[in-house]
Amino acid sequence: PEQVIKKAQIDRTYGHQLFNGTRVPSRD
């Protein structure tokens, strides 16, 4: 996930929340 979050240009903390299911990602 760390690599993907970085390549996706998403804030690190927010990205990890998407991967662990604590945040729901928007379409973008």
PDB file of all heavy atoms in Angstrom:
ATOM      1  N   PRO A   1       0.808  -1.229   0.000  1.00  0.00           N
ATOM      2  CA  PRO A   1       0.000   0.000   0.000  1.00  0.00           C
ATOM      3  C   PRO A   1       0.841   1.281   0.000  1.00  0.00           C
ATOM      4  O   PRO A   1       0.514   2.225  -0.706  1.00  0.00           O
ATOM      5  CB  PRO A   1      -0.838  -0.130   1.273  1.00  0.00           C
ATOM      6  CG  PRO A   1      -1.017  -1.616   1.428  1.00  0.00           C
ATOM      7  CD  PRO A   1       0.305  -2.199   0.984  1.00  0.00           C
ATOM      8  N   GLU A   2       1.923   1.287   0.750  1.00  0.00           N
ATOM      9  CA  GLU A   2       2.791   2.474   0.832  1.00  0.00           C
ATOM     10  C   GLU A   2       3.239   2.951  -0.558  1.00  0.00           C
ATOM     11  O   GLU A   2       3.196   4.141  -0.869  1.00  0.00           O
ATOM     12  CB  GLU A   2       4.007   2.143   1.705  1.00  0.00           C
ATOM     13  CG  GLU A   2       4.892   3.314   2.026  1.00  0.00           C
ATOM     14  CD  GLU A   2       4.323   4.229   3.099  1.00  0.00           C
ATOM     15  OE1 GLU A   2       3.597   3.760   3.983  1.00  0.00           O
ATOM     16  OE2 GLU A   2       4.618   5.428   3.044  1.00  0.00           O
ATOM     17  N   GLN A   3       3.658   1.990  -1.421  1.00  0.00           N
ATOM     18  CA  GLN A   3       4.100   2.329  -2.785  1.00  0.00           C
ATOM     19  C   GLN A   3       2.950   2.919  -3.588  1.00  0.00           C
ATOM     20  O   GLN A   3       3.118   3.903  -4.295  1.00  0.00           O
ATOM     21  CB  GLN A   3       4.537   1.068  -3.545  1.00  0.00           C
ATOM     22  CG  GLN A   3       5.780   0.370  -3.087  1.00  0.00           C
ATOM     23  CD  GLN A   3       5.909  -0.970  -3.834  1.00  0.00           C
ATOM     24  OE1 GLN A   3       5.101  -1.871  -3.657  1.00  0.00           O
ATOM     25  NE2 GLN A   3       6.920  -1.073  -4.667  1.00  0.00           N
ATOM     26  N   VAL A   4       1.799   2.273  -3.496  1.00  0.00           N
ATOM     27  CA  VAL A   4       0.626   2.685  -4.269  1.00  0.00           C
ATOM     28  C   VAL A   4       0.183   4.084  -3.861  1.00  0.00           C
ATOM     29  O   VAL A   4      -0.088   4.940  -4.700  1.00  0.00           O
ATOM     30  CB  VAL A   4      -0.534   1.674  -4.095  1.00  0.00           C
ATOM     31  CG1 VAL A   4      -1.797   2.175  -4.783  1.00  0.00           C
ATOM     32  CG2 VAL A   4      -0.131   0.311  -4.622  1.00  0.00           C
ATOM     33  N   ILE A   5       0.129   4.336  -2.554  1.00  0.00           N
ATOM     34  CA  ILE A   5      -0.289   5.636  -2.024  1.00  0.00           C
ATOM     35  C   ILE A   5       0.637   6.732  -2.555  1.00  0.00           C
ATOM     36  O   ILE A   5       0.187   7.789  -2.987  1.00  0.00           O
ATOM     37  CB  ILE A   5      -0.310   5.601  -0.474  1.00  0.00           C
ATOM     38  CG1 ILE A   5      -1.436   4.673   0.002  1.00  0.00           C
ATOM     39  CG2 ILE A   5      -0.452   6.996   0.117  1.00  0.00           C
ATOM     40  CD1 ILE A   5      -1.315   4.236   1.457  1.00  0.00           C
ATOM     41  N   LYS A   6       1.931   6.454  -2.539  1.00  0.00           N
ATOM     42  CA  LYS A   6       2.914   7.422  -3.023  1.00  0.00           C
ATOM     43  C   LYS A   6       2.722   7.694  -4.519  1.00  0.00           C
ATOM     44  O   LYS A   6       2.657   8.836  -4.957  1.00  0.00           O
ATOM     45  CB  LYS A   6       4.327   6.897  -2.743  1.00  0.00           C
ATOM     46  CG  LYS A   6       5.402   7.940  -2.852  1.00  0.00           C
ATOM     47  CD  LYS A   6       6.719   7.388  -2.336  1.00  0.00           C
ATOM     48  CE  LYS A   6       7.734   8.513  -2.279  1.00  0.00           C
ATOM     49  NZ  LYS A   6       8.845   8.202  -1.412  1.00  0.00           N
ATOM     50  N   LYS A   7       2.603   6.607  -5.307  1.00  0.00           N
ATOM     51  CA  LYS A   7       2.416   6.749  -6.750  1.00  0.00           C
ATOM     52  C   LYS A   7       1.083   7.403  -7.090  1.00  0.00           C
ATOM     53  O   LYS A   7       0.950   8.061  -8.111  1.00  0.00           O
ATOM     54  CB  LYS A   7       2.513   5.384  -7.447  1.00  0.00           C
ATOM     55  CG  LYS A   7       3.946   4.866  -7.534  1.00  0.00           C
ATOM     56  CD  LYS A   7       3.997   3.521  -8.198  1.00  0.00           C
ATOM     57  CE  LYS A   7       3.807   3.626  -9.692  1.00  0.00           C
ATOM     58  NZ  LYS A   7       3.959   2.342 -10.393  1.00  0.00           N
ATOM     59  N   ALA A   8       0.084   7.205  -6.220  1.00  0.00           N
ATOM     60  CA  ALA A   8      -1.253   7.766  -6.452  1.00  0.00           C
ATOM     61  C   ALA A   8      -1.317   9.249  -6.055  1.00  0.00           C
ATOM     62  O   ALA A   8      -2.318   9.905  -6.288  1.00  0.00           O
ATOM     63  CB  ALA A   8      -2.296   6.966  -5.682  1.00  0.00           C
ATOM     64  N   GLN A   9      -0.231   9.747  -5.439  1.00  0.00           N
ATOM     65  CA  GLN A   9      -0.173  11.147  -4.985  1.00  0.00           C
ATOM     66  C   GLN A   9      -1.285  11.452  -3.965  1.00  0.00           C
ATOM     67  O   GLN A   9      -1.928  12.490  -4.026  1.00  0.00           O
ATOM     68  CB  GLN A   9      -0.301  12.100  -6.188  1.00  0.00           C
ATOM     69  CG  GLN A   9       0.739  11.905  -7.255  1.00  0.00           C
ATOM     70  CD  GLN A   9       2.037  12.617  -6.938  1.00  0.00           C
ATOM     71  OE1 GLN A   9       2.038  13.788  -6.594  1.00  0.00           O
ATOM     72  NE2 GLN A   9       3.152  11.916  -7.043  1.00  0.00           N
ATOM     73  N   ILE A  10      -1.492  10.493  -3.057  1.00  0.00           N
ATOM     74  CA  ILE A  10      -2.490  10.654  -2.005  1.00  0.00           C
ATOM     75  C   ILE A  10      -1.759  10.839  -0.682  1.00  0.00           C
ATOM     76  O   ILE A  10      -0.719  10.211  -0.459  1.00  0.00           O
ATOM     77  CB  ILE A  10      -3.424   9.414  -1.942  1.00  0.00           C
ATOM     78  CG1 ILE A  10      -4.266   9.336  -3.227  1.00  0.00           C
ATOM     79  CG2 ILE A  10      -4.325   9.449  -0.712  1.00  0.00           C
ATOM     80  CD1 ILE A  10      -5.116   8.091  -3.339  1.00  0.00           C
ATOM     81  N   ASP A  11      -2.306  11.696   0.162  1.00  0.00           N
ATOM     82  CA  ASP A  11      -1.733  11.909   1.486  1.00  0.00           C
ATOM     83  C   ASP A  11      -1.557  10.552   2.174  1.00  0.00           C
ATOM     84  O   ASP A  11      -2.453   9.714   2.158  1.00  0.00           O
ATOM     85  CB  ASP A  11      -2.661  12.809   2.307  1.00  0.00           C
ATOM     86  CG  ASP A  11      -2.211  12.918   3.748  1.00  0.00           C
ATOM     87  OD1 ASP A  11      -1.212  13.611   3.992  1.00  0.00           O
ATOM     88  OD2 ASP A  11      -2.848  12.275   4.613  1.00  0.00           O
ATOM     89  N   ARG A  12      -0.385  10.349   2.765  1.00  0.00           N
ATOM     90  CA  ARG A  12      -0.014   9.053   3.340  1.00  0.00           C
ATOM     91  C   ARG A  12      -1.024   8.540   4.363  1.00  0.00           C
ATOM     92  O   ARG A  12      -1.483   7.394   4.290  1.00  0.00           O
ATOM     93  CB  ARG A  12       1.381   9.185   3.977  1.00  0.00           C
ATOM     94  CG  ARG A  12       1.983   7.893   4.410  1.00  0.00           C
ATOM     95  CD  ARG A  12       3.457   8.087   4.799  1.00  0.00           C
ATOM     96  NE  ARG A  12       3.937   6.843   5.390  1.00  0.00           N
ATOM     97  CZ  ARG A  12       3.882   6.585   6.683  1.00  0.00           C
ATOM     98  NH1 ARG A  12       3.375   7.453   7.533  1.00  0.00           N
ATOM     99  NH2 ARG A  12       4.328   5.430   7.135  1.00  0.00           N
ATOM    100  N   THR A  13      -1.379   9.376   5.322  1.00  0.00           N
ATOM    101  CA  THR A  13      -2.318   8.964   6.376  1.00  0.00           C
ATOM    102  C   THR A  13      -3.674   8.602   5.777  1.00  0.00           C
ATOM    103  O   THR A  13      -4.242   7.551   6.071  1.00  0.00           O
ATOM    104  CB  THR A  13      -2.490  10.089   7.422  1.00  0.00           C
ATOM    105  OG1 THR A  13      -1.189  10.408   7.931  1.00  0.00           O
ATOM    106  CG2 THR A  13      -3.378   9.660   8.568  1.00  0.00           C
ATOM    107  N   TYR A  14      -4.162   9.469   4.914  1.00  0.00           N
ATOM    108  CA  TYR A  14      -5.451   9.236   4.272  1.00  0.00           C
ATOM    109  C   TYR A  14      -5.404   7.945   3.442  1.00  0.00           C
ATOM    110  O   TYR A  14      -6.330   7.133   3.487  1.00  0.00           O
ATOM    111  CB  TYR A  14      -5.818  10.438   3.387  1.00  0.00           C
ATOM    112  CG  TYR A  14      -7.161  10.315   2.726  1.00  0.00           C
ATOM    113  CD1 TYR A  14      -8.332  10.491   3.457  1.00  0.00           C
ATOM    114  CD2 TYR A  14      -7.271  10.034   1.371  1.00  0.00           C
ATOM    115  CE1 TYR A  14      -9.576  10.378   2.857  1.00  0.00           C
ATOM    116  CE2 TYR A  14      -8.509   9.921   0.759  1.00  0.00           C
ATOM    117  CZ  TYR A  14      -9.651  10.099   1.507  1.00  0.00           C
ATOM    118  OH  TYR A  14     -10.873   9.987   0.910  1.00  0.00           O
ATOM    119  N   GLY A  15      -4.324   7.752   2.720  1.00  0.00           N
ATOM    120  CA  GLY A  15      -4.153   6.547   1.909  1.00  0.00           C
ATOM    121  C   GLY A  15      -4.219   5.278   2.734  1.00  0.00           C
ATOM    122  O   GLY A  15      -4.897   4.312   2.362  1.00  0.00           O
ATOM    123  N   HIS A  16      -3.550   5.280   3.878  1.00  0.00           N
ATOM    124  CA  HIS A  16      -3.585   4.099   4.756  1.00  0.00           C
ATOM    125  C   HIS A  16      -4.989   3.868   5.314  1.00  0.00           C
ATOM    126  O   HIS A  16      -5.408   2.726   5.500  1.00  0.00           O
ATOM    127  CB  HIS A  16      -2.533   4.202   5.864  1.00  0.00           C
ATOM    128  CG  HIS A  16      -1.151   3.910   5.369  1.00  0.00           C
ATOM    129  ND1 HIS A  16      -0.741   2.648   4.999  1.00  0.00           N
ATOM    130  CD2 HIS A  16      -0.089   4.722   5.134  1.00  0.00           C
ATOM    131  CE1 HIS A  16       0.517   2.693   4.572  1.00  0.00           C
ATOM    132  NE2 HIS A  16       0.926   3.945   4.646  1.00  0.00           N
ATOM    133  N   GLN A  17      -5.725   4.957   5.560  1.00  0.00           N
ATOM    134  CA  GLN A  17      -7.107   4.810   6.035  1.00  0.00           C
ATOM    135  C   GLN A  17      -7.976   4.157   4.961  1.00  0.00           C
ATOM    136  O   GLN A  17      -8.878   3.382   5.273  1.00  0.00           O
ATOM    137  CB  GLN A  17      -7.680   6.176   6.427  1.00  0.00           C
ATOM    138  CG  GLN A  17      -7.030   6.746   7.678  1.00  0.00           C
ATOM    139  CD  GLN A  17      -7.425   8.198   7.937  1.00  0.00           C
ATOM    140  OE1 GLN A  17      -7.827   8.922   7.032  1.00  0.00           O
ATOM    141  NE2 GLN A  17      -7.290   8.613   9.191  1.00  0.00           N
ATOM    142  N   LEU A  18      -7.679   4.431   3.690  1.00  0.00           N
ATOM    143  CA  LEU A  18      -8.418   3.794   2.592  1.00  0.00           C
ATOM    144  C   LEU A  18      -8.122   2.297   2.559  1.00  0.00           C
ATOM    145  O   LEU A  18      -9.021   1.477   2.383  1.00  0.00           O
ATOM    146  CB  LEU A  18      -8.064   4.436   1.249  1.00  0.00           C
ATOM    147  CG  LEU A  18      -8.397   5.917   1.094  1.00  0.00           C
ATOM    148  CD1 LEU A  18      -7.914   6.430  -0.261  1.00  0.00           C
ATOM    149  CD2 LEU A  18      -9.885   6.169   1.260  1.00  0.00           C
ATOM    150  N   PHE A  19      -6.846   1.952   2.738  1.00  0.00           N
ATOM    151  CA  PHE A  19      -6.444   0.547   2.694  1.00  0.00           C
ATOM    152  C   PHE A  19      -6.899  -0.252   3.909  1.00  0.00           C
ATOM    153  O   PHE A  19      -7.095  -1.454   3.821  1.00  0.00           O
ATOM    154  CB  PHE A  19      -4.923   0.406   2.503  1.00  0.00           C
ATOM    155  CG  PHE A  19      -4.502   0.472   1.064  1.00  0.00           C
ATOM    156  CD1 PHE A  19      -4.094   1.660   0.501  1.00  0.00           C
ATOM    157  CD2 PHE A  19      -4.529  -0.664   0.264  1.00  0.00           C
ATOM    158  CE1 PHE A  19      -3.717   1.731  -0.842  1.00  0.00           C
ATOM    159  CE2 PHE A  19      -4.156  -0.616  -1.070  1.00  0.00           C
ATOM    160  CZ  PHE A  19      -3.751   0.589  -1.625  1.00  0.00           C
ATOM    161  N   ASN A  20      -7.057   0.421   5.063  1.00  0.00           N
ATOM    162  CA  ASN A  20      -7.509  -0.348   6.233  1.00  0.00           C
ATOM    163  C   ASN A  20      -9.015  -0.232   6.456  1.00  0.00           C
ATOM    164  O   ASN A  20      -9.554  -0.788   7.404  1.00  0.00           O
ATOM    165  CB  ASN A  20      -6.698  -0.004   7.499  1.00  0.00           C
ATOM    166  CG  ASN A  20      -6.933   1.400   8.013  1.00  0.00           C
ATOM    167  OD1 ASN A  20      -8.009   1.976   7.835  1.00  0.00           O
ATOM    168  ND2 ASN A  20      -5.932   1.960   8.668  1.00  0.00           N
ATOM    169  N   GLY A  21      -9.701   0.496   5.558  1.00  0.00           N
ATOM    170  CA  GLY A  21     -11.158   0.532   5.593  1.00  0.00           C
ATOM    171  C   GLY A  21     -11.775   1.544   6.539  1.00  0.00           C
ATOM    172  O   GLY A  21     -12.986   1.535   6.728  1.00  0.00           O
ATOM    173  N   THR A  22     -10.963   2.420   7.146  1.00  0.00           N
ATOM    174  CA  THR A  22     -11.543   3.413   8.056  1.00  0.00           C
ATOM    175  C   THR A  22     -12.073   4.631   7.308  1.00  0.00           C
ATOM    176  O   THR A  22     -12.806   5.430   7.873  1.00  0.00           O
ATOM    177  CB  THR A  22     -10.543   3.866   9.147  1.00  0.00           C
ATOM    178  OG1 THR A  22      -9.376   4.389   8.520  1.00  0.00           O
ATOM    179  CG2 THR A  22     -10.166   2.713  10.062  1.00  0.00           C
ATOM    180  N   ARG A  23     -11.686   4.805   6.046  1.00  0.00           N
ATOM    181  CA  ARG A  23     -12.216   5.885   5.199  1.00  0.00           C
ATOM    182  C   ARG A  23     -12.733   5.270   3.908  1.00  0.00           C
ATOM    183  O   ARG A  23     -12.188   4.276   3.427  1.00  0.00           O
ATOM    184  CB  ARG A  23     -11.114   6.905   4.850  1.00  0.00           C
ATOM    185  CG  ARG A  23     -10.541   7.688   6.003  1.00  0.00           C
ATOM    186  CD  ARG A  23     -11.482   8.734   6.601  1.00  0.00           C
ATOM    187  NE  ARG A  23     -11.725   9.881   5.761  1.00  0.00           N
ATOM    188  CZ  ARG A  23     -10.991  10.985   5.781  1.00  0.00           C
ATOM    189  NH1 ARG A  23      -9.953  11.091   6.578  1.00  0.00           N
ATOM    190  NH2 ARG A  23     -11.304  11.996   4.995  1.00  0.00           N
ATOM    191  N   VAL A  24     -13.763   5.873   3.355  1.00  0.00           N
ATOM    192  CA  VAL A  24     -14.334   5.413   2.088  1.00  0.00           C
ATOM    193  C   VAL A  24     -13.809   6.325   0.980  1.00  0.00           C
ATOM    194  O   VAL A  24     -13.990   7.539   1.055  1.00  0.00           O
ATOM    195  CB  VAL A  24     -15.876   5.458   2.116  1.00  0.00           C
ATOM    196  CG1 VAL A  24     -16.449   4.930   0.804  1.00  0.00           C
ATOM    197  CG2 VAL A  24     -16.411   4.669   3.293  1.00  0.00           C
ATOM    198  N   PRO A  25     -13.156   5.751  -0.029  1.00  0.00           N
ATOM    199  CA  PRO A  25     -12.590   6.596  -1.085  1.00  0.00           C
ATOM    200  C   PRO A  25     -13.653   7.197  -2.008  1.00  0.00           C
ATOM    201  O   PRO A  25     -14.654   6.560  -2.312  1.00  0.00           O
ATOM    202  CB  PRO A  25     -11.689   5.638  -1.865  1.00  0.00           C
ATOM    203  CG  PRO A  25     -12.246   4.283  -1.594  1.00  0.00           C
ATOM    204  CD  PRO A  25     -12.876   4.338  -0.235  1.00  0.00           C
ATOM    205  N   SER A  26     -13.399   8.410  -2.437  1.00  0.00           N
ATOM    206  CA  SER A  26     -14.246   9.049  -3.446  1.00  0.00           C
ATOM    207  C   SER A  26     -13.903   8.410  -4.796  1.00  0.00           C
ATOM    208  O   SER A  26     -12.915   7.673  -4.924  1.00  0.00           O
ATOM    209  CB  SER A  26     -13.935  10.546  -3.512  1.00  0.00           C
ATOM    210  OG  SER A  26     -12.587  10.728  -3.954  1.00  0.00           O
ATOM    211  N   ARG A  27     -14.687   8.722  -5.803  1.00  0.00           N
ATOM    212  CA  ARG A  27     -14.420   8.206  -7.146  1.00  0.00           C
ATOM    213  C   ARG A  27     -13.024   8.651  -7.605  1.00  0.00           C
ATOM    214  O   ARG A  27     -12.262   7.859  -8.152  1.00  0.00           O
ATOM    215  CB  ARG A  27     -15.496   8.740  -8.099  1.00  0.00           C
ATOM    216  CG  ARG A  27     -15.367   8.219  -9.525  1.00  0.00           C
ATOM    217  CD  ARG A  27     -16.563   8.709 -10.347  1.00  0.00           C
ATOM    218  NE  ARG A  27     -16.601   8.150 -11.680  1.00  0.00           N
ATOM    219  CZ  ARG A  27     -16.244   8.816 -12.773  1.00  0.00           C
ATOM    220  NH1 ARG A  27     -15.814  10.065 -12.685  1.00  0.00           N
ATOM    221  NH2 ARG A  27     -16.336   8.241 -13.968  1.00  0.00           N
ATOM    222  N   ASP A  28     -12.680   9.928  -7.366  1.00  0.00           N
ATOM    223  CA  ASP A  28     -11.365  10.424  -7.780  1.00  0.00           C
ATOM    224  C   ASP A  28     -10.223   9.712  -7.058  1.00  0.00           C
ATOM    225  O   ASP A  28      -9.197   9.409  -7.657  1.00  0.00           O
ATOM    226  CB  ASP A  28     -11.256  11.938  -7.546  1.00  0.00           C
ATOM    227  CG  ASP A  28     -11.855  12.754  -8.688  1.00  0.00           C
ATOM    228  OD1 ASP A  28     -12.438  12.162  -9.624  1.00  0.00           O
ATOM    229  OD2 ASP A  28     -11.723  13.991  -8.645  1.00  0.00           O
TER     230      ASP A  28
END
